[in-house]
Amino acid sequence: MIRTALIVAALATPVTAQSFDEAVRQNLALGISICVQHVGDPARARGMLEAAGYAYAGFDGPAEDATHRYAAPAGTVEVLIYDGQTAPFCHVETNHLTPGQAGQITGGVLQGVAPGKFAPTPAECPNWTEIGPPLPLTVGVSDLGNGGGCPEASGARIFFFFAV
């Protein structure tokens, strides 16, 4: 009886809501994790995003050579997955973090998902290259602009592609 009362009391305790910043960071980390593990299998990556609650937001290009867009809840993050006739790629984008902040999260996710599998590559923005395979996966961070730089006042794009 006392045990039941403790359980009921614990369930009745209010839960602190997740902040928007926490949601951005968690959704970014989830998108990065899915991309790094499934960039070579776009159909699987798309299924994982849908299972995680990302909403399908359409595609760019012809259906047989398309970049599919998935939106995380509350507009925190968008994931783009190319499923077409050339090498697959994945991008995770957010308007709510700088490239430096996104790079810190990306480095942490890479170490958690694939410890020792990626080596940092010297660049203006954080970059990593997969160690070992003949066609290594490259993971990098840039701003959302077309300049490809690393200004700290813009959104961030994390990109995944196979170096050919």
Protein backbone atom coordinates (compact mmCIF):
# COMPACT_ATOMS: atom_id res chain seq x y z
CA MET A 1 0.00 0.00 0.00
CA ILE A 2 2.79 2.45 0.86
CA ARG A 3 4.58 1.49 -2.37
CA THR A 4 1.45 2.29 -4.41
CA ALA A 5 1.11 5.66 -2.68
CA LEU A 6 4.73 6.51 -3.49
CA ILE A 7 4.24 5.59 -7.15
CA VAL A 8 1.06 7.70 -7.38
CA ALA A 9 2.83 10.63 -5.69
CA ALA A 10 5.76 10.36 -8.10
CA LEU A 11 3.44 10.33 -11.12
CA ALA A 12 1.55 13.33 -9.82
CA THR A 13 4.72 15.44 -9.56
CA PRO A 14 4.78 18.02 -12.35
CA VAL A 15 7.35 17.41 -15.09
CA THR A 16 9.49 20.32 -16.24
CA ALA A 17 8.81 21.09 -19.88
CA GLN A 18 11.63 20.82 -22.38
CA SER A 19 12.95 24.20 -23.48
CA PHE A 20 13.06 25.12 -27.16
CA ASP A 21 16.89 25.15 -27.04
CA GLU A 22 16.91 21.62 -25.58
CA ALA A 23 14.51 20.48 -28.31
CA VAL A 24 16.76 21.99 -31.01
CA ARG A 25 19.83 20.25 -29.61
CA GLN A 26 18.11 16.88 -29.13
CA ASN A 27 16.49 16.94 -32.57
CA LEU A 28 19.80 17.93 -34.15
CA ALA A 29 21.61 15.09 -32.37
CA LEU A 30 18.93 12.60 -33.46
CA GLY A 31 19.12 13.73 -37.09
CA ILE A 32 22.94 13.50 -37.02
CA SER A 33 22.78 10.02 -35.49
CA ILE A 34 20.36 8.76 -38.15
CA CYS A 35 22.36 10.31 -40.98
CA VAL A 36 25.74 8.99 -39.89
CA GLN A 37 24.37 5.47 -39.45
CA HIS A 38 22.14 5.31 -42.52
CA VAL A 39 23.39 7.81 -45.15
CA GLY A 40 24.16 4.86 -47.46
CA ASP A 41 20.60 3.54 -47.13
CA PRO A 42 18.23 6.47 -47.82
CA ALA A 43 15.06 4.37 -47.48
CA ARG A 44 16.12 3.20 -44.01
CA ALA A 45 17.10 6.75 -42.97
CA ARG A 46 13.70 8.04 -44.10
CA GLY A 47 11.93 5.31 -42.13
CA MET A 48 13.96 6.08 -39.02
CA LEU A 49 13.11 9.79 -39.27
CA GLU A 50 9.41 9.04 -39.65
CA ALA A 51 9.52 6.64 -36.68
CA ALA A 52 11.21 9.39 -34.63
CA GLY A 53 8.36 11.82 -35.30
CA TYR A 54 9.87 13.90 -38.10
CA ALA A 55 7.18 14.98 -40.58
CA TYR A 56 7.65 14.44 -44.30
CA ALA A 57 7.86 17.90 -45.86
CA GLY A 58 8.05 16.98 -49.55
CA PHE A 59 10.88 16.66 -52.02
CA ASP A 60 12.92 18.67 -54.48
CA GLY A 61 13.64 17.40 -58.00
CA PRO A 62 12.06 14.59 -60.01
CA ALA A 63 10.73 11.63 -57.98
CA GLU A 64 13.43 9.25 -59.26
CA ASP A 65 16.23 11.68 -58.32
CA ALA A 66 14.86 13.50 -55.30
CA THR A 67 16.04 15.19 -52.14
CA HIS A 68 13.44 14.39 -49.46
CA ARG A 69 12.79 16.84 -46.62
CA TYR A 70 11.82 15.94 -43.06
CA ALA A 71 10.90 18.49 -40.40
CA ALA A 72 11.41 17.90 -36.69
CA PRO A 73 8.67 19.09 -34.31
CA ALA A 74 8.34 22.86 -33.72
CA GLY A 75 10.52 23.74 -36.70
CA THR A 76 13.69 22.99 -34.75
CA VAL A 77 15.57 20.99 -37.39
CA GLU A 78 15.19 19.87 -41.00
CA VAL A 79 16.81 16.76 -42.48
CA LEU A 80 17.38 16.40 -46.23
CA ILE A 81 18.03 12.96 -47.68
CA TYR A 82 19.05 12.48 -51.29
CA ASP A 83 17.65 9.29 -52.79
CA GLY A 84 18.59 9.33 -56.43
CA GLN A 85 20.89 8.29 -59.22
CA THR A 86 24.23 9.41 -57.73
CA ALA A 87 25.93 8.87 -54.37
CA PRO A 88 23.55 9.36 -51.42
CA PHE A 89 23.92 12.29 -49.04
CA CYS A 90 22.22 13.63 -45.96
CA HIS A 91 22.06 17.15 -44.49
CA VAL A 92 20.80 18.20 -41.06
CA GLU A 93 19.96 21.90 -40.83
CA THR A 94 18.84 24.32 -38.14
CA ASN A 95 18.34 28.08 -38.00
CA HIS A 96 18.69 28.02 -34.21
CA LEU A 97 22.38 27.19 -33.61
CA THR A 98 25.69 28.52 -34.91
CA PRO A 99 28.09 26.25 -36.84
CA GLY A 100 30.34 26.15 -33.75
CA GLN A 101 27.51 24.93 -31.53
CA ALA A 102 26.39 22.40 -34.15
CA GLY A 103 29.99 21.21 -34.50
CA GLN A 104 30.22 20.47 -30.78
CA ILE A 105 27.02 18.41 -30.93
CA THR A 106 28.18 16.63 -34.10
CA GLY A 107 31.53 15.67 -32.55
CA GLY A 108 29.76 14.27 -29.50
CA VAL A 109 27.31 12.24 -31.58
CA LEU A 110 30.10 10.82 -33.77
CA GLN A 111 32.04 9.71 -30.69
CA GLY A 112 28.91 8.18 -29.18
CA VAL A 113 27.69 6.36 -32.30
CA ALA A 114 31.03 5.43 -33.89
CA PRO A 115 33.86 5.83 -31.34
CA GLY A 116 37.26 6.09 -33.01
CA LYS A 117 35.78 5.75 -36.50
CA PHE A 118 36.12 9.43 -37.51
CA ALA A 119 39.19 11.67 -37.47
CA PRO A 120 38.98 15.48 -37.36
CA THR A 121 40.05 17.16 -40.60
CA PRO A 122 41.60 20.65 -40.55
CA ALA A 123 39.11 23.15 -41.94
CA GLU A 124 37.54 26.52 -41.15
CA CYS A 125 34.47 24.71 -39.77
CA PRO A 126 34.47 21.36 -37.94
CA ASN A 127 34.95 18.39 -40.29
CA TRP A 128 35.58 14.68 -39.82
CA THR A 129 36.58 11.88 -42.20
CA GLU A 130 35.82 8.22 -41.69
CA ILE A 131 38.97 6.16 -41.06
CA GLY A 132 39.59 3.08 -43.17
CA PRO A 133 37.18 2.51 -46.05
CA PRO A 134 38.21 3.24 -49.65
CA LEU A 135 35.21 5.59 -50.02
CA PRO A 136 35.13 7.28 -46.62
CA LEU A 137 32.16 9.16 -45.25
CA THR A 138 32.86 12.84 -44.74
CA VAL A 139 30.94 14.76 -42.07
CA GLY A 140 31.19 18.52 -41.98
CA VAL A 141 29.58 21.64 -40.61
CA SER A 142 28.94 24.90 -42.44
CA ASP A 143 26.64 27.87 -42.26
CA LEU A 144 23.30 27.84 -44.05
CA GLY A 145 24.42 30.49 -46.53
CA ASN A 146 26.05 29.76 -49.83
CA GLY A 147 29.43 30.98 -48.62
CA GLY A 148 30.21 27.73 -46.85
CA GLY A 149 31.99 29.63 -44.10
CA CYS A 150 31.69 29.38 -40.37
CA PRO A 151 30.23 32.67 -39.13
CA GLU A 152 28.88 32.39 -35.63
CA ALA A 153 25.73 34.42 -36.30
CA SER A 154 23.99 32.14 -38.81
CA GLY A 155 22.21 28.81 -38.84
CA ALA A 156 24.10 25.56 -39.32
CA ARG A 157 24.18 22.69 -41.80
CA ILE A 158 25.76 19.33 -40.99
CA PHE A 159 26.48 17.41 -44.18
CA PHE A 160 27.28 13.75 -44.81
CA PHE A 161 28.62 12.47 -48.11
CA PHE A 162 30.90 9.79 -49.46
CA ALA A 163 34.22 11.09 -50.79
CA VAL A 164 34.61 9.85 -54.34
